[in-house]
Amino acid sequence: MDYSHIESPGLIVFPEIVESNINLVIDMVGGNVDRLRPHIKTHKTQEVNDFLLKAGIYKFKCATIAEAELLAISNAKDILLSIQPTGTTLSRFIALGLQYQNSQFSCLIDDYNAAKNINDLAIKHHVNIPVFIDINVGMNRTGIVPKEALKLIDEISNHLSNLVIKGLHAYDGHIRDVNLQTRIEHVEQDFIDFYVLIDKIDMSTYELVVGGTPSFLVHRTNNRFVCSPGTFVFFDVGYHNLFPENTLKMAVQIIARVISKPTNSTICIDLGHKSVAAENPIDNRVRFIDFPHWTLKSQSEEHGIIEVQDHSNIEIGQIIRMYPYHICPTVALHQNLQVIEHDHLVGEWLVKARNRKINI
């Protein structure tokens, strides 16, 4: 492959792998796209939205107003903002519904006072807002514990006229056991109270949105659940060991170039922590595709130092290919993805929703 026109540090994406990953996930829920509500936080691009829509998926989840607007621009039918909106986020959320009337926007709720604020603004603008009750199943990041959820459901149903409860949301991002059987047991333990809750609810009108990519292999077997993986479209090293071999494949590579050889055993590449997710320890940021024995020793803003033992065969300007350990924040650090088809650069996908604002 000719890398002369590939920007570094940069990301390259292989659309055929993206499509393959999407089709595989659809197959894994028996071809029933009604059981999928993928999260777009990983890719943040209109092009991948289009791939998902083309595959028949019509329900989506997102984390920011910009992601929600990008879905509306893509003509997505059903968009769940996976936070409880407050402040300016709430006013922008209402504005989305007023601006993009071909899409339905919903949000999460786990607190009555927050729900009342949303309801008051909905009344002011003469709109009804679909909401999902956010259930805490052990991650302890957001949500109300299942035993308190019925009270909140009753309060919203009886007192907040412009909120319509559409379903329950249960995200279990803390469950990522490498062994699948252990993961299954972990889900069963943490979802005990959730199962009790849903047995008390009229399920004919509720959508149950559960899980992410790691727990997808567990929840996909429960026909009552709508699964919301996100990382699967691009995949990454962090989740690679959680899935069987020859299933999901990594669709994005990081491209860097050697810019210096400061010592006999180290090289420097143009990949600092401004170009790859740096929230993990230094040994869990990238995996070198062509040199698996290499070790990333340190990073500064624009530089990465690699221990290579012997750099006599390494040239300045040489291309270094890597897979990211955590793809989602890595994509958010780049303005575009360079598109590769048949070993040629054919264009770019703008990461439009990396910004906090598109129009609204």
Protein backbone atom coordinates (compact mmCIF):
# COMPACT_ATOMS: atom_id res chain seq x y z
CA MET A 1 0.00 0.00 0.00
CA ASP A 2 1.22 3.49 -0.88
CA TYR A 3 1.29 5.62 2.29
CA SER A 4 2.79 8.71 0.67
CA HIS A 5 -0.50 10.63 0.85
CA ILE A 6 -1.58 9.35 4.29
CA GLU A 7 -1.48 12.01 6.99
CA SER A 8 0.34 11.17 10.20
CA PRO A 9 -0.46 10.98 12.97
CA GLY A 10 -3.79 9.89 11.60
CA LEU A 11 -6.45 7.23 11.41
CA ILE A 12 -7.27 5.06 8.42
CA VAL A 13 -10.57 3.21 8.15
CA PHE A 14 -11.59 0.22 6.04
CA PRO A 15 -15.29 0.52 5.11
CA GLU A 16 -15.67 -3.16 4.16
CA ILE A 17 -14.70 -4.14 7.72
CA VAL A 18 -17.17 -1.63 9.15
CA GLU A 19 -19.96 -3.13 7.06
CA SER A 20 -18.89 -6.65 8.03
CA ASN A 21 -19.00 -5.78 11.74
CA ILE A 22 -22.47 -4.26 11.37
CA ASN A 23 -23.80 -7.29 9.51
CA LEU A 24 -22.30 -9.64 12.09
CA VAL A 25 -24.01 -7.87 14.99
CA ILE A 26 -27.32 -7.97 13.13
CA ASP A 27 -26.85 -11.69 12.55
CA MET A 28 -26.10 -12.17 16.25
CA VAL A 29 -29.58 -10.91 17.17
CA GLY A 30 -31.17 -13.22 14.62
CA GLY A 31 -31.47 -10.56 11.95
CA ASN A 32 -33.98 -8.60 14.05
CA VAL A 33 -32.93 -4.94 13.82
CA ASP A 34 -35.72 -4.04 16.26
CA ARG A 35 -33.41 -5.45 18.94
CA LEU A 36 -30.57 -3.04 18.20
CA ARG A 37 -30.03 0.55 19.31
CA PRO A 38 -26.34 1.13 18.57
CA HIS A 39 -24.44 3.92 20.29
CA ILE A 40 -22.62 6.30 17.91
CA LYS A 41 -20.10 7.64 20.43
CA THR A 42 -17.37 5.49 18.85
CA HIS A 43 -17.46 6.74 15.27
CA LYS A 44 -19.18 10.15 15.36
CA THR A 45 -19.46 10.18 11.56
CA GLN A 46 -22.33 10.57 9.15
CA GLU A 47 -20.90 7.85 6.91
CA VAL A 48 -21.15 5.13 9.55
CA ASN A 49 -24.64 6.37 10.42
CA ASP A 50 -25.47 5.79 6.76
CA PHE A 51 -24.05 2.25 6.87
CA LEU A 52 -26.18 1.46 9.91
CA LEU A 53 -29.31 2.96 8.35
CA LYS A 54 -28.69 1.12 5.09
CA ALA A 55 -28.53 -2.13 7.08
CA GLY A 56 -32.05 -1.44 8.37
CA ILE A 57 -31.19 -0.10 11.83
CA TYR A 58 -33.43 2.81 12.78
CA LYS A 59 -32.98 3.23 16.55
CA PHE A 60 -29.84 4.85 17.94
CA LYS A 61 -28.21 6.01 21.14
CA CYS A 62 -25.83 8.93 21.60
CA ALA A 63 -24.06 10.83 24.37
CA THR A 64 -24.03 14.47 23.24
CA ILE A 65 -26.28 17.00 21.56
CA ALA A 66 -23.89 17.10 18.59
CA GLU A 67 -24.15 13.32 18.17
CA ALA A 68 -27.94 13.56 18.39
CA GLU A 69 -28.00 16.30 15.76
CA LEU A 70 -25.72 14.31 13.46
CA LEU A 71 -28.17 11.40 13.68
CA ALA A 72 -31.03 13.75 12.82
CA ILE A 73 -29.06 15.09 9.85
CA SER A 74 -28.69 11.45 8.79
CA ASN A 75 -32.50 11.10 9.02
CA ALA A 76 -32.41 8.61 11.88
CA LYS A 77 -35.94 7.92 13.06
CA ASP A 78 -35.44 7.25 16.79
CA ILE A 79 -32.67 8.91 18.84
CA LEU A 80 -32.00 8.34 22.55
CA LEU A 81 -29.77 10.87 24.31
CA SER A 82 -28.15 8.70 26.96
CA ILE A 83 -27.91 11.36 29.64
CA GLN A 84 -30.34 13.25 31.85
CA PRO A 85 -30.23 16.72 30.25
CA THR A 86 -29.79 19.78 32.44
CA GLY A 87 -28.95 23.44 31.91
CA THR A 88 -28.05 24.41 28.37
CA THR A 89 -28.03 20.75 27.35
CA LEU A 90 -31.73 20.61 28.20
CA SER A 91 -32.59 23.73 26.19
CA ARG A 92 -30.59 22.42 23.23
CA PHE A 93 -32.32 19.03 23.55
CA ILE A 94 -35.71 20.72 23.27
CA ALA A 95 -34.44 22.76 20.30
CA LEU A 96 -33.42 19.56 18.52
CA GLY A 97 -36.98 18.26 18.62
CA LEU A 98 -38.35 21.54 17.34
CA GLN A 99 -35.81 21.75 14.50
CA TYR A 100 -35.72 18.11 13.34
CA GLN A 101 -39.31 16.97 13.40
CA ASN A 102 -38.72 13.85 11.30
CA SER A 103 -36.76 12.35 14.21
CA GLN A 104 -38.02 11.39 17.65
CA PHE A 105 -35.72 12.41 20.51
CA SER A 106 -35.82 10.81 23.93
CA CYS A 107 -33.59 11.10 26.99
CA LEU A 108 -32.78 9.40 30.28
CA ILE A 109 -34.35 10.19 33.65
CA ASP A 110 -33.31 9.04 37.14
CA ASP A 111 -34.51 11.93 39.33
CA TYR A 112 -37.97 13.44 39.82
CA ASN A 113 -36.81 17.08 40.13
CA ALA A 114 -34.76 16.77 36.94
CA ALA A 115 -37.79 15.21 35.26
CA LYS A 116 -39.96 18.09 36.41
CA ASN A 117 -37.56 20.62 34.88
CA ILE A 118 -37.77 18.76 31.57
CA ASN A 119 -41.55 18.59 31.84
CA ASP A 120 -41.84 22.34 32.58
CA LEU A 121 -39.84 23.18 29.47
CA ALA A 122 -41.86 20.68 27.44
CA ILE A 123 -45.08 22.39 28.54
CA LYS A 124 -43.65 25.78 27.62
CA HIS A 125 -42.89 24.59 24.09
CA HIS A 126 -46.08 22.49 23.71
CA VAL A 127 -44.24 19.21 23.14
CA ASN A 128 -44.26 15.74 24.66
CA ILE A 129 -40.91 14.18 25.54
CA PRO A 130 -40.34 10.40 25.50
CA VAL A 131 -38.10 9.33 28.39
CA PHE A 132 -36.33 6.18 29.55
CA ILE A 133 -35.87 5.51 33.24
CA ASP A 134 -32.14 5.05 33.83
CA ILE A 135 -31.50 2.04 36.08
CA ASN A 136 -28.30 1.57 38.07
CA VAL A 137 -27.33 -2.12 37.76
CA GLY A 138 -24.01 -1.81 39.55
CA MET A 139 -21.83 0.58 37.59
CA ASN A 140 -22.76 3.38 40.04
CA ARG A 141 -22.24 6.10 37.46
CA THR A 142 -25.84 7.16 36.78
CA GLY A 143 -29.29 5.75 37.32
CA ILE A 144 -31.72 4.89 40.07
CA VAL A 145 -31.54 1.51 41.80
CA PRO A 146 -34.26 -0.89 40.59
CA LYS A 147 -36.04 -1.01 43.97
CA GLU A 148 -36.75 2.74 43.79
CA ALA A 149 -37.67 2.87 40.13
CA LEU A 150 -41.38 2.02 40.46
CA LYS A 151 -41.93 5.06 42.68
CA LEU A 152 -40.26 7.32 40.12
CA ILE A 153 -42.29 5.75 37.31
CA ASP A 154 -45.52 6.40 39.22
CA GLU A 155 -44.56 9.99 40.04
CA ILE A 156 -43.76 10.79 36.43
CA SER A 157 -46.86 9.04 35.11
CA ASN A 158 -49.20 10.78 37.59
CA HIS A 159 -47.72 14.27 37.84
CA LEU A 160 -45.70 15.14 34.75
CA SER A 161 -48.14 15.46 31.89
CA ASN A 162 -45.71 16.08 29.04
CA LEU A 163 -43.31 13.21 29.72
CA VAL A 164 -44.06 9.82 28.20
CA ILE A 165 -42.18 6.86 29.65
CA LYS A 166 -40.94 4.82 26.73
CA GLY A 167 -38.86 2.23 28.55
CA LEU A 168 -35.97 1.39 30.86
CA HIS A 169 -32.26 1.84 30.27
CA ALA A 170 -29.60 -0.27 32.03
CA TYR A 171 -25.96 0.23 31.13
CA ASP A 172 -23.44 -2.24 32.57
CA GLY A 173 -20.11 -0.86 31.42
CA HIS A 174 -18.43 -2.28 34.53
CA ILE A 175 -19.03 -5.83 33.29
CA ARG A 176 -16.14 -6.82 31.03
CA ASP A 177 -14.89 -10.15 32.34
CA VAL A 178 -12.60 -11.81 29.81
CA ASN A 179 -14.10 -15.26 30.37
CA LEU A 180 -17.55 -15.35 28.76
CA GLN A 181 -19.06 -17.70 31.34
CA THR A 182 -17.84 -15.40 34.12
CA ARG A 183 -19.34 -12.46 32.24
CA ILE A 184 -22.67 -14.28 31.98
CA GLU A 185 -22.66 -14.97 35.72
CA HIS A 186 -21.71 -11.36 36.44
CA VAL A 187 -24.67 -10.10 34.38
CA GLU A 188 -27.07 -12.53 36.04
CA GLN A 189 -25.96 -11.40 39.51
CA ASP A 190 -26.09 -7.67 38.83
CA PHE A 191 -29.41 -7.85 36.96
CA ILE A 192 -31.35 -9.75 39.66
CA ASP A 193 -33.19 -6.66 40.87
CA PHE A 194 -33.67 -5.44 37.30
CA TYR A 195 -35.44 -8.70 36.40
CA VAL A 196 -37.67 -8.28 39.48
CA LEU A 197 -38.51 -4.74 38.35
CA ILE A 198 -39.48 -5.65 34.80
CA ASP A 199 -41.73 -8.45 36.08
CA LYS A 200 -43.76 -5.73 37.83
CA ILE A 201 -44.17 -3.60 34.70
CA ASP A 202 -46.48 -3.89 31.71
CA MET A 203 -43.82 -4.90 29.21
CA SER A 204 -46.11 -4.54 26.21
CA THR A 205 -45.37 -0.80 26.05
CA TYR A 206 -41.78 -0.64 27.36
CA GLU A 207 -38.50 -0.91 25.52
CA LEU A 208 -35.63 -2.34 27.57
CA VAL A 209 -32.33 -0.86 26.38
CA VAL A 210 -29.45 -2.73 27.98
CA GLY A 211 -25.70 -3.21 27.86
CA GLY A 212 -22.82 -2.12 25.68
CA THR A 213 -20.31 -4.00 23.57
CA PRO A 214 -18.76 -6.29 26.26
CA SER A 215 -22.10 -7.56 27.58
CA PHE A 216 -23.69 -7.76 24.12
CA LEU A 217 -22.77 -11.45 23.87
CA VAL A 218 -24.88 -12.04 27.00
CA HIS A 219 -27.88 -9.78 26.39
CA ARG A 220 -28.33 -10.75 22.74
CA THR A 221 -29.77 -14.09 23.92
CA ASN A 222 -32.64 -12.38 25.79
CA ASN A 223 -35.37 -11.53 23.28
CA ARG A 224 -36.88 -8.96 25.65
CA PHE A 225 -33.79 -6.77 25.47
CA VAL A 226 -32.77 -4.13 22.94
CA CYS A 227 -28.97 -4.12 22.82
CA SER A 228 -26.92 -0.95 22.44
CA PRO A 229 -23.30 -1.76 21.60
CA GLY A 230 -21.21 1.01 20.05
CA THR A 231 -17.55 0.04 19.82
CA PHE A 232 -18.38 -2.88 17.53
CA VAL A 233 -18.40 -0.75 14.36
CA PHE A 234 -14.66 -0.05 14.60
CA PHE A 235 -13.65 -2.41 17.44
CA ASP A 236 -10.36 -2.12 19.35
CA VAL A 237 -7.66 -3.96 21.26
CA GLY A 238 -9.38 -3.35 24.58
CA TYR A 239 -12.39 -5.44 23.58
CA HIS A 240 -10.61 -7.88 21.28
CA ASN A 241 -10.09 -10.49 23.99
CA LEU A 242 -13.76 -10.29 25.01
CA PHE A 243 -15.04 -11.69 21.71
CA PRO A 244 -14.43 -15.02 19.98
CA GLU A 245 -11.77 -15.12 17.30
CA ASN A 246 -12.83 -14.39 13.72
CA THR A 247 -15.89 -12.39 14.70
CA LEU A 248 -15.57 -8.61 15.02
CA LYS A 249 -12.51 -7.15 13.32
CA MET A 250 -10.64 -3.92 13.88
CA ALA A 251 -11.62 -1.47 11.15
CA VAL A 252 -9.38 1.44 12.14
CA GLN A 253 -5.60 1.70 12.29
CA ILE A 254 -3.43 4.47 13.67
CA ILE A 255 -0.74 5.62 11.26
CA ALA A 256 2.45 7.32 12.49
CA ARG A 257 5.92 7.95 11.10
CA VAL A 258 9.37 7.59 12.59
CA ILE A 259 10.74 11.09 13.15
CA SER A 260 13.91 10.39 15.13
CA LYS A 261 16.21 7.67 16.49
CA PRO A 262 17.43 9.26 19.73
CA THR A 263 19.31 6.24 21.15
CA ASN A 264 20.55 2.91 19.87
CA SER A 265 17.49 1.12 21.21
CA THR A 266 14.68 3.67 20.85
CA ILE A 267 12.83 5.49 18.11
CA CYS A 268 10.50 8.46 18.24
CA ILE A 269 7.24 8.57 16.27
CA ASP A 270 4.85 11.46 15.67
CA LEU A 271 2.19 9.99 17.97
CA GLY A 272 1.76 11.87 21.22
CA HIS A 273 -1.09 11.70 23.66
CA LYS A 274 -2.96 14.31 21.57
CA SER A 275 -3.48 11.61 18.93
CA VAL A 276 -4.41 8.48 20.87
CA ALA A 277 -6.51 7.89 23.99
CA ALA A 278 -4.20 8.37 26.96
CA GLU A 279 -6.44 7.49 29.90
CA ASN A 280 -4.88 4.02 30.21
CA PRO A 281 -1.34 3.16 31.36
CA ILE A 282 1.34 3.56 28.71
CA ASP A 283 1.36 -0.16 27.87
CA ASN A 284 -2.37 -0.11 27.10
CA ARG A 285 -2.63 2.62 24.50
CA VAL A 286 -1.57 0.98 21.21
CA ARG A 287 -0.59 -2.39 19.79
CA PHE A 288 2.01 -2.40 17.01
CA ILE A 289 0.72 -4.36 14.03
CA ASP A 290 4.01 -5.14 12.30
CA PHE A 291 6.25 -5.16 15.37
CA PRO A 292 4.33 -6.88 18.19
CA HIS A 293 7.45 -7.06 20.40
CA TRP A 294 7.86 -3.26 20.51
CA THR A 295 7.01 -1.36 23.69
CA LEU A 296 5.68 2.17 23.96
CA LYS A 297 7.80 3.70 26.72
CA SER A 298 6.52 7.26 27.01
CA GLN A 299 4.52 9.99 25.32
CA SER A 300 4.43 13.76 25.34
CA GLU A 301 1.97 15.93 23.44
CA GLU A 302 3.30 15.19 19.94
CA HIS A 303 5.92 12.46 20.46
CA GLY A 304 5.95 8.77 21.29
CA ILE A 305 9.10 6.93 22.39
CA ILE A 306 9.29 3.22 21.52
CA GLU A 307 11.72 0.63 22.82
CA VAL A 308 12.81 -1.38 19.77
CA GLN A 309 16.08 -2.97 20.98
CA ASP A 310 17.73 -2.48 17.57
CA HIS A 311 16.76 0.27 15.12
CA SER A 312 19.37 -0.43 12.46
CA ASN A 313 16.68 -1.52 10.00
CA ILE A 314 14.32 1.36 10.85
CA GLU A 315 14.37 4.45 8.63
CA ILE A 316 13.33 8.02 9.35
CA GLY A 317 9.92 8.53 7.77
CA GLN A 318 9.02 4.84 8.00
CA ILE A 319 5.32 4.11 8.49
CA ILE A 320 4.31 2.56 11.82
CA ARG A 321 0.86 0.94 11.98
CA MET A 322 -1.01 0.46 15.25
CA TYR A 323 -4.35 -0.59 16.64
CA PRO A 324 -5.71 1.63 19.43
CA TYR A 325 -6.49 0.10 22.80
CA HIS A 326 -9.52 2.41 23.23
CA ILE A 327 -11.00 3.52 19.94
CA CYS A 328 -13.79 5.86 21.12
CA PRO A 329 -11.72 8.71 22.60
CA THR A 330 -9.04 8.12 19.97
CA VAL A 331 -11.47 8.94 17.15
CA ALA A 332 -12.55 12.08 19.02
CA LEU A 333 -8.96 13.37 18.85
CA HIS A 334 -8.96 13.40 15.03
CA GLN A 335 -10.78 15.64 12.56
CA ASN A 336 -11.13 12.91 9.97
CA LEU A 337 -10.73 9.26 9.12
CA GLN A 338 -8.77 8.53 5.95
CA VAL A 339 -10.73 5.99 3.91
CA ILE A 340 -8.92 3.02 2.39
CA GLU A 341 -10.44 0.81 -0.30
CA HIS A 342 -8.47 -1.80 -2.23
CA ASP A 343 -5.24 -0.51 -0.65
CA HIS A 344 -5.82 3.03 -1.93
CA LEU A 345 -6.75 6.28 -0.22
CA VAL A 346 -10.14 7.20 -1.69
CA GLY A 347 -11.35 10.02 0.57
CA GLU A 348 -12.09 10.98 4.14
CA TRP A 349 -14.88 10.79 6.69
CA LEU A 350 -15.19 13.91 8.81
CA VAL A 351 -15.62 13.21 12.51
CA LYS A 352 -18.39 15.78 12.65
CA ALA A 353 -19.67 15.01 16.14
CA ARG A 354 -16.26 15.33 17.80
CA ASN A 355 -17.28 18.96 18.21
CA ARG A 356 -19.69 19.83 20.98
CA LYS A 357 -21.86 21.77 18.56
CA ILE A 358 -22.89 21.32 14.92
CA ASN A 359 -25.73 23.82 14.54
CA ILE A 360 -27.83 23.72 17.70
